[in-house]
Amino acid sequence: CRSHHAKLVILIFPERFQVHPAEWKALAFDYNLDPSAFDLRLANRRILAICRKRHVDCIDLTPSMVTSVQQYYLPGGDMHWNAQGQARVAEILEQRMATMDGRGAE
């Protein structure tokens, strides 16, 4: 990126159980999982820490996408975003990219 004068920005794409708490609760119930044994944001924090250490911009989409109302993923357990999810990601990125100043991870 430096040699081409391009800005590197790492994006953390959330998975559906991070975004839709009710789906995580239902999955944990269905599989008799102990939710307290899982840290759904551990990987996000690790990636953000690495980016901060290396002074690389990083946008974690997860906090801005958490919702109990809007469905952002395709049905049937599919991990791909639907049209509303794509639109939400575009909105978040437009806002965040406009305000980035190269300070590192968010």
C-alpha atoms as a PDB file:
ATOM      1  CA  CYS A   1       0.000   0.000   0.000  1.00  0.00           C
ATOM      2  CA  ARG A   2       2.787   2.440   0.867  1.00  0.00           C
ATOM      3  CA  SER A   3       4.594   1.896  -2.413  1.00  0.00           C
ATOM      4  CA  HIS A   4       1.385   2.666  -4.302  1.00  0.00           C
ATOM      5  CA  HIS A   5       0.295   5.474  -1.948  1.00  0.00           C
ATOM      6  CA  ALA A   6      -2.878   3.543  -1.144  1.00  0.00           C
ATOM      7  CA  LYS A   7      -4.543   3.583   2.237  1.00  0.00           C
ATOM      8  CA  LEU A   8      -4.974   0.195   3.895  1.00  0.00           C
ATOM      9  CA  VAL A   9      -8.156  -0.165   5.892  1.00  0.00           C
ATOM     10  CA  ILE A  10      -9.035  -3.445   7.578  1.00  0.00           C
ATOM     11  CA  LEU A  11     -12.737  -4.220   7.906  1.00  0.00           C
ATOM     12  CA  ILE A  12     -14.116  -6.561  10.517  1.00  0.00           C
ATOM     13  CA  PHE A  13     -17.265  -8.151   9.130  1.00  0.00           C
ATOM     14  CA  PRO A  14     -19.556  -9.398  11.894  1.00  0.00           C
ATOM     15  CA  GLU A  15     -21.219 -12.755  11.710  1.00  0.00           C
ATOM     16  CA  ARG A  16     -24.925 -13.064  12.267  1.00  0.00           C
ATOM     17  CA  PHE A  17     -24.716 -14.197  15.904  1.00  0.00           C
ATOM     18  CA  GLN A  18     -22.768 -11.050  16.784  1.00  0.00           C
ATOM     19  CA  VAL A  19     -25.379  -8.832  15.131  1.00  0.00           C
ATOM     20  CA  HIS A  20     -28.628 -10.530  16.105  1.00  0.00           C
ATOM     21  CA  PRO A  21     -28.607 -11.380  19.830  1.00  0.00           C
ATOM     22  CA  ALA A  22     -31.868 -13.324  19.571  1.00  0.00           C
ATOM     23  CA  GLU A  23     -30.307 -15.693  17.030  1.00  0.00           C
ATOM     24  CA  TRP A  24     -27.335 -16.337  19.321  1.00  0.00           C
ATOM     25  CA  LYS A  25     -29.679 -16.939  22.251  1.00  0.00           C
ATOM     26  CA  ALA A  26     -31.752 -19.396  20.191  1.00  0.00           C
ATOM     27  CA  LEU A  27     -28.656 -21.243  18.945  1.00  0.00           C
ATOM     28  CA  ALA A  28     -27.239 -21.527  22.457  1.00  0.00           C
ATOM     29  CA  PHE A  29     -30.581 -22.866  23.670  1.00  0.00           C
ATOM     30  CA  ASP A  30     -30.975 -25.339  20.771  1.00  0.00           C
ATOM     31  CA  TYR A  31     -27.489 -26.771  21.296  1.00  0.00           C
ATOM     32  CA  ASN A  32     -27.560 -26.503  25.094  1.00  0.00           C
ATOM     33  CA  LEU A  33     -24.551 -24.175  25.089  1.00  0.00           C
ATOM     34  CA  ASP A  34     -23.484 -22.069  28.026  1.00  0.00           C
ATOM     35  CA  PRO A  35     -23.408 -18.525  26.566  1.00  0.00           C
ATOM     36  CA  SER A  36     -21.052 -17.380  29.319  1.00  0.00           C
ATOM     37  CA  ALA A  37     -18.427 -19.776  27.913  1.00  0.00           C
ATOM     38  CA  PHE A  38     -18.326 -17.842  24.636  1.00  0.00           C
ATOM     39  CA  ASP A  39     -16.890 -14.424  23.886  1.00  0.00           C
ATOM     40  CA  LEU A  40     -18.427 -13.412  20.570  1.00  0.00           C
ATOM     41  CA  ARG A  41     -16.225 -10.309  20.324  1.00  0.00           C
ATOM     42  CA  LEU A  42     -12.848 -11.839  21.257  1.00  0.00           C
ATOM     43  CA  ALA A  43     -11.636 -12.102  17.659  1.00  0.00           C
ATOM     44  CA  ASN A  44     -12.731  -8.504  16.999  1.00  0.00           C
ATOM     45  CA  ARG A  45     -10.727  -7.208  19.965  1.00  0.00           C
ATOM     46  CA  ARG A  46      -7.653  -9.165  18.907  1.00  0.00           C
ATOM     47  CA  ILE A  47      -7.806  -7.841  15.356  1.00  0.00           C
ATOM     48  CA  LEU A  48      -8.311  -4.275  16.607  1.00  0.00           C
ATOM     49  CA  ALA A  49      -5.320  -4.608  18.950  1.00  0.00           C
ATOM     50  CA  ILE A  50      -3.078  -5.837  16.139  1.00  0.00           C
ATOM     51  CA  CYS A  51      -4.196  -2.963  13.925  1.00  0.00           C
ATOM     52  CA  ARG A  52      -3.578  -0.387  16.673  1.00  0.00           C
ATOM     53  CA  LYS A  53      -0.120  -1.798  17.338  1.00  0.00           C
ATOM     54  CA  ARG A  54       0.754  -1.531  13.645  1.00  0.00           C
ATOM     55  CA  HIS A  55      -0.990   1.839  13.157  1.00  0.00           C
ATOM     56  CA  VAL A  56      -3.351   0.367  10.570  1.00  0.00           C
ATOM     57  CA  ASP A  57      -6.843   1.756  10.185  1.00  0.00           C
ATOM     58  CA  CYS A  58      -9.495  -0.772  11.138  1.00  0.00           C
ATOM     59  CA  ILE A  59     -13.264  -0.509  11.083  1.00  0.00           C
ATOM     60  CA  ASP A  60     -15.220  -2.971  13.175  1.00  0.00           C
ATOM     61  CA  LEU A  61     -18.694  -2.989  11.655  1.00  0.00           C
ATOM     62  CA  THR A  62     -20.115  -5.071  14.494  1.00  0.00           C
ATOM     63  CA  PRO A  63     -21.183  -2.423  17.057  1.00  0.00           C
ATOM     64  CA  SER A  64     -22.971  -0.364  14.409  1.00  0.00           C
ATOM     65  CA  MET A  65     -24.873  -3.370  13.073  1.00  0.00           C
ATOM     66  CA  VAL A  66     -26.167  -4.926  16.310  1.00  0.00           C
ATOM     67  CA  THR A  67     -29.957  -4.938  16.159  1.00  0.00           C
ATOM     68  CA  SER A  68     -32.937  -6.809  17.446  1.00  0.00           C
ATOM     69  CA  VAL A  69     -35.242  -5.333  14.820  1.00  0.00           C
ATOM     70  CA  GLN A  70     -33.657  -5.223  11.353  1.00  0.00           C
ATOM     71  CA  GLN A  71     -32.589  -8.507   9.724  1.00  0.00           C
ATOM     72  CA  TYR A  72     -29.267  -8.050   7.872  1.00  0.00           C
ATOM     73  CA  TYR A  73     -28.581 -11.612   6.743  1.00  0.00           C
ATOM     74  CA  LEU A  74     -30.166 -13.930   4.202  1.00  0.00           C
ATOM     75  CA  PRO A  75     -32.633 -16.457   5.637  1.00  0.00           C
ATOM     76  CA  GLY A  76     -31.981 -20.048   6.591  1.00  0.00           C
ATOM     77  CA  GLY A  77     -28.812 -19.433   8.588  1.00  0.00           C
ATOM     78  CA  ASP A  78     -26.971 -18.009   5.556  1.00  0.00           C
ATOM     79  CA  MET A  79     -24.002 -15.894   6.634  1.00  0.00           C
ATOM     80  CA  HIS A  80     -24.266 -13.459   3.698  1.00  0.00           C
ATOM     81  CA  TRP A  81     -25.883 -10.033   4.012  1.00  0.00           C
ATOM     82  CA  ASN A  82     -29.239  -9.345   2.424  1.00  0.00           C
ATOM     83  CA  ALA A  83     -30.022  -6.026   0.668  1.00  0.00           C
ATOM     84  CA  GLN A  84     -30.645  -4.293   4.029  1.00  0.00           C
ATOM     85  CA  GLY A  85     -27.339  -5.593   5.371  1.00  0.00           C
ATOM     86  CA  GLN A  86     -25.466  -4.399   2.278  1.00  0.00           C
ATOM     87  CA  ALA A  87     -27.089  -0.976   2.607  1.00  0.00           C
ATOM     88  CA  ARG A  88     -26.218  -0.758   6.319  1.00  0.00           C
ATOM     89  CA  VAL A  89     -22.579  -1.661   5.662  1.00  0.00           C
ATOM     90  CA  ALA A  90     -22.385   0.963   2.887  1.00  0.00           C
ATOM     91  CA  GLU A  91     -23.852   3.571   5.252  1.00  0.00           C
ATOM     92  CA  ILE A  92     -21.382   2.737   8.028  1.00  0.00           C
ATOM     93  CA  LEU A  93     -18.411   2.759   5.670  1.00  0.00           C
ATOM     94  CA  GLU A  94     -19.433   6.063   4.117  1.00  0.00           C
ATOM     95  CA  GLN A  95     -19.616   7.664   7.563  1.00  0.00           C
ATOM     96  CA  ARG A  96     -16.399   6.133   8.915  1.00  0.00           C
ATOM     97  CA  MET A  97     -14.243   6.616   5.818  1.00  0.00           C
ATOM     98  CA  ALA A  98     -15.228  10.285   5.666  1.00  0.00           C
ATOM     99  CA  THR A  99     -13.895  10.848   9.192  1.00  0.00           C
ATOM    100  CA  MET A 100     -10.778   8.647   9.187  1.00  0.00           C
ATOM    101  CA  ASP A 101      -7.557  10.500   9.781  1.00  0.00           C
ATOM    102  CA  GLY A 102      -5.047   7.672   9.830  1.00  0.00           C
ATOM    103  CA  ARG A 103      -4.889   7.280  13.625  1.00  0.00           C
ATOM    104  CA  GLY A 104      -5.315   3.520  13.572  1.00  0.00           C
ATOM    105  CA  ALA A 105      -8.020   1.148  14.695  1.00  0.00           C
ATOM    106  CA  GLU A 106     -11.365   2.286  16.024  1.00  0.00           C
END
